[in-house]
Amino acid sequence: MIDTRPAEIENRGSVGHWEGDLINGASATGNLVTLVERNTRNTLIERTSTKEADKILDFKSKFMLFLEFFKIGTILIDSVF
């Protein structure tokens, strides 16, 4: 849970802690699936035309392939995943 994460993560004191989210576009223009590293602000973004959970999980899997190139400590995903 976001309110129980350690101070080191909350304060952005170390690299490797990621947050995922789904951003809804206006008037059916699409959505963005994002992963942001809290310290460096490295960001992975993918556009999608749907908010269906199974399609969003496909994007999450795609992001995981990219994350092998970055340091990973934790990944906090919004409930949409």
C-alpha atoms as a PDB file:
ATOM      1  CA  MET A   1       0.000   0.000   0.000  1.00  0.00           C
ATOM      2  CA  ILE A   2       1.196   3.467  -0.871  1.00  0.00           C
ATOM      3  CA  ASP A   3       0.661   4.788   2.668  1.00  0.00           C
ATOM      4  CA  THR A   4       2.840   2.073   4.248  1.00  0.00           C
ATOM      5  CA  ARG A   5       5.920   2.231   2.035  1.00  0.00           C
ATOM      6  CA  PRO A   6       9.297   2.843   3.756  1.00  0.00           C
ATOM      7  CA  ALA A   7      10.586   6.428   4.175  1.00  0.00           C
ATOM      8  CA  GLU A   8      13.517   5.731   1.812  1.00  0.00           C
ATOM      9  CA  ILE A   9      11.047   5.085  -0.997  1.00  0.00           C
ATOM     10  CA  GLU A  10       8.647   7.865  -0.005  1.00  0.00           C
ATOM     11  CA  ASN A  11      11.476  10.447   0.133  1.00  0.00           C
ATOM     12  CA  ARG A  12      12.953   9.291  -3.198  1.00  0.00           C
ATOM     13  CA  GLY A  13      16.234   8.574  -1.405  1.00  0.00           C
ATOM     14  CA  SER A  14      17.345   5.720  -3.647  1.00  0.00           C
ATOM     15  CA  VAL A  15      17.044   4.566  -7.246  1.00  0.00           C
ATOM     16  CA  GLY A  16      14.972   1.575  -8.299  1.00  0.00           C
ATOM     17  CA  HIS A  17      11.491   2.255  -6.975  1.00  0.00           C
ATOM     18  CA  TRP A  18       8.838   2.493  -9.706  1.00  0.00           C
ATOM     19  CA  GLU A  19       5.175   3.568  -9.816  1.00  0.00           C
ATOM     20  CA  GLY A  20       2.671   2.498 -12.467  1.00  0.00           C
ATOM     21  CA  ASP A  21      -0.525   4.208 -13.473  1.00  0.00           C
ATOM     22  CA  LEU A  22      -3.199   4.516 -16.159  1.00  0.00           C
ATOM     23  CA  ILE A  23      -3.972   8.038 -17.396  1.00  0.00           C
ATOM     24  CA  ASN A  24      -7.342   8.439 -19.112  1.00  0.00           C
ATOM     25  CA  GLY A  25      -7.567  10.768 -22.096  1.00  0.00           C
ATOM     26  CA  ALA A  26     -10.480  13.132 -22.667  1.00  0.00           C
ATOM     27  CA  SER A  27     -13.405  12.319 -24.963  1.00  0.00           C
ATOM     28  CA  ALA A  28     -12.314   8.811 -25.954  1.00  0.00           C
ATOM     29  CA  THR A  29      -8.903   9.968 -27.216  1.00  0.00           C
ATOM     30  CA  GLY A  30      -7.124   7.008 -25.640  1.00  0.00           C
ATOM     31  CA  ASN A  31      -5.165   6.279 -22.480  1.00  0.00           C
ATOM     32  CA  LEU A  32      -1.533   6.177 -21.348  1.00  0.00           C
ATOM     33  CA  VAL A  33      -0.027   3.356 -19.306  1.00  0.00           C
ATOM     34  CA  THR A  34       2.998   4.685 -17.404  1.00  0.00           C
ATOM     35  CA  LEU A  35       5.830   3.489 -15.178  1.00  0.00           C
ATOM     36  CA  VAL A  36       7.926   6.196 -13.486  1.00  0.00           C
ATOM     37  CA  GLU A  37      11.088   5.670 -11.414  1.00  0.00           C
ATOM     38  CA  ARG A  38      10.623   7.840  -8.308  1.00  0.00           C
ATOM     39  CA  ASN A  39      14.206   9.154  -7.953  1.00  0.00           C
ATOM     40  CA  THR A  40      15.484   9.636 -11.506  1.00  0.00           C
ATOM     41  CA  ARG A  41      12.016  10.138 -13.047  1.00  0.00           C
ATOM     42  CA  ASN A  42      12.882   7.711 -15.850  1.00  0.00           C
ATOM     43  CA  THR A  43       9.531   7.084 -17.521  1.00  0.00           C
ATOM     44  CA  LEU A  44       8.084   4.350 -19.717  1.00  0.00           C
ATOM     45  CA  ILE A  45       4.868   5.275 -21.547  1.00  0.00           C
ATOM     46  CA  GLU A  46       2.577   3.278 -23.820  1.00  0.00           C
ATOM     47  CA  ARG A  47      -0.631   4.503 -25.484  1.00  0.00           C
ATOM     48  CA  THR A  48      -3.724   2.290 -25.455  1.00  0.00           C
ATOM     49  CA  SER A  49      -7.247   2.733 -26.736  1.00  0.00           C
ATOM     50  CA  THR A  50      -8.767   0.558 -24.020  1.00  0.00           C
ATOM     51  CA  LYS A  51      -8.978   0.399 -20.231  1.00  0.00           C
ATOM     52  CA  GLU A  52      -9.756  -3.329 -20.150  1.00  0.00           C
ATOM     53  CA  ALA A  53      -7.692  -5.058 -17.495  1.00  0.00           C
ATOM     54  CA  ASP A  54      -6.431  -7.899 -19.708  1.00  0.00           C
ATOM     55  CA  LYS A  55      -5.120  -5.422 -22.316  1.00  0.00           C
ATOM     56  CA  ILE A  56      -3.458  -3.283 -19.650  1.00  0.00           C
ATOM     57  CA  LEU A  57      -1.761  -6.402 -18.262  1.00  0.00           C
ATOM     58  CA  ASP A  58      -0.283  -6.975 -21.729  1.00  0.00           C
ATOM     59  CA  PHE A  59       1.346  -3.545 -21.506  1.00  0.00           C
ATOM     60  CA  LYS A  60       2.586  -4.289 -18.000  1.00  0.00           C
ATOM     61  CA  SER A  61       4.326  -7.406 -19.319  1.00  0.00           C
ATOM     62  CA  LYS A  62       5.891  -5.365 -22.123  1.00  0.00           C
ATOM     63  CA  PHE A  63       7.217  -2.852 -19.583  1.00  0.00           C
ATOM     64  CA  MET A  64       8.754  -5.642 -17.532  1.00  0.00           C
ATOM     65  CA  LEU A  65      10.967  -6.501 -20.511  1.00  0.00           C
ATOM     66  CA  PHE A  66      12.258  -2.920 -20.586  1.00  0.00           C
ATOM     67  CA  LEU A  67      12.845  -2.859 -16.833  1.00  0.00           C
ATOM     68  CA  GLU A  68      15.577  -5.470 -17.076  1.00  0.00           C
ATOM     69  CA  PHE A  69      17.777  -2.581 -18.256  1.00  0.00           C
ATOM     70  CA  PHE A  70      17.033  -0.499 -15.139  1.00  0.00           C
ATOM     71  CA  LYS A  71      17.643  -1.024 -11.445  1.00  0.00           C
ATOM     72  CA  ILE A  72      14.514  -2.425  -9.794  1.00  0.00           C
ATOM     73  CA  GLY A  73      13.863  -2.254  -6.057  1.00  0.00           C
ATOM     74  CA  THR A  74      10.078  -2.098  -5.916  1.00  0.00           C
ATOM     75  CA  ILE A  75       7.193  -1.537  -8.311  1.00  0.00           C
ATOM     76  CA  LEU A  76       3.988   0.014  -6.970  1.00  0.00           C
ATOM     77  CA  ILE A  77       1.169  -0.462  -9.464  1.00  0.00           C
ATOM     78  CA  ASP A  78      -2.130   1.370  -9.283  1.00  0.00           C
ATOM     79  CA  SER A  79      -5.165  -0.877  -8.838  1.00  0.00           C
ATOM     80  CA  VAL A  80      -5.977  -0.736 -12.562  1.00  0.00           C
ATOM     81  CA  PHE A  81      -3.283  -3.321 -13.279  1.00  0.00           C
END
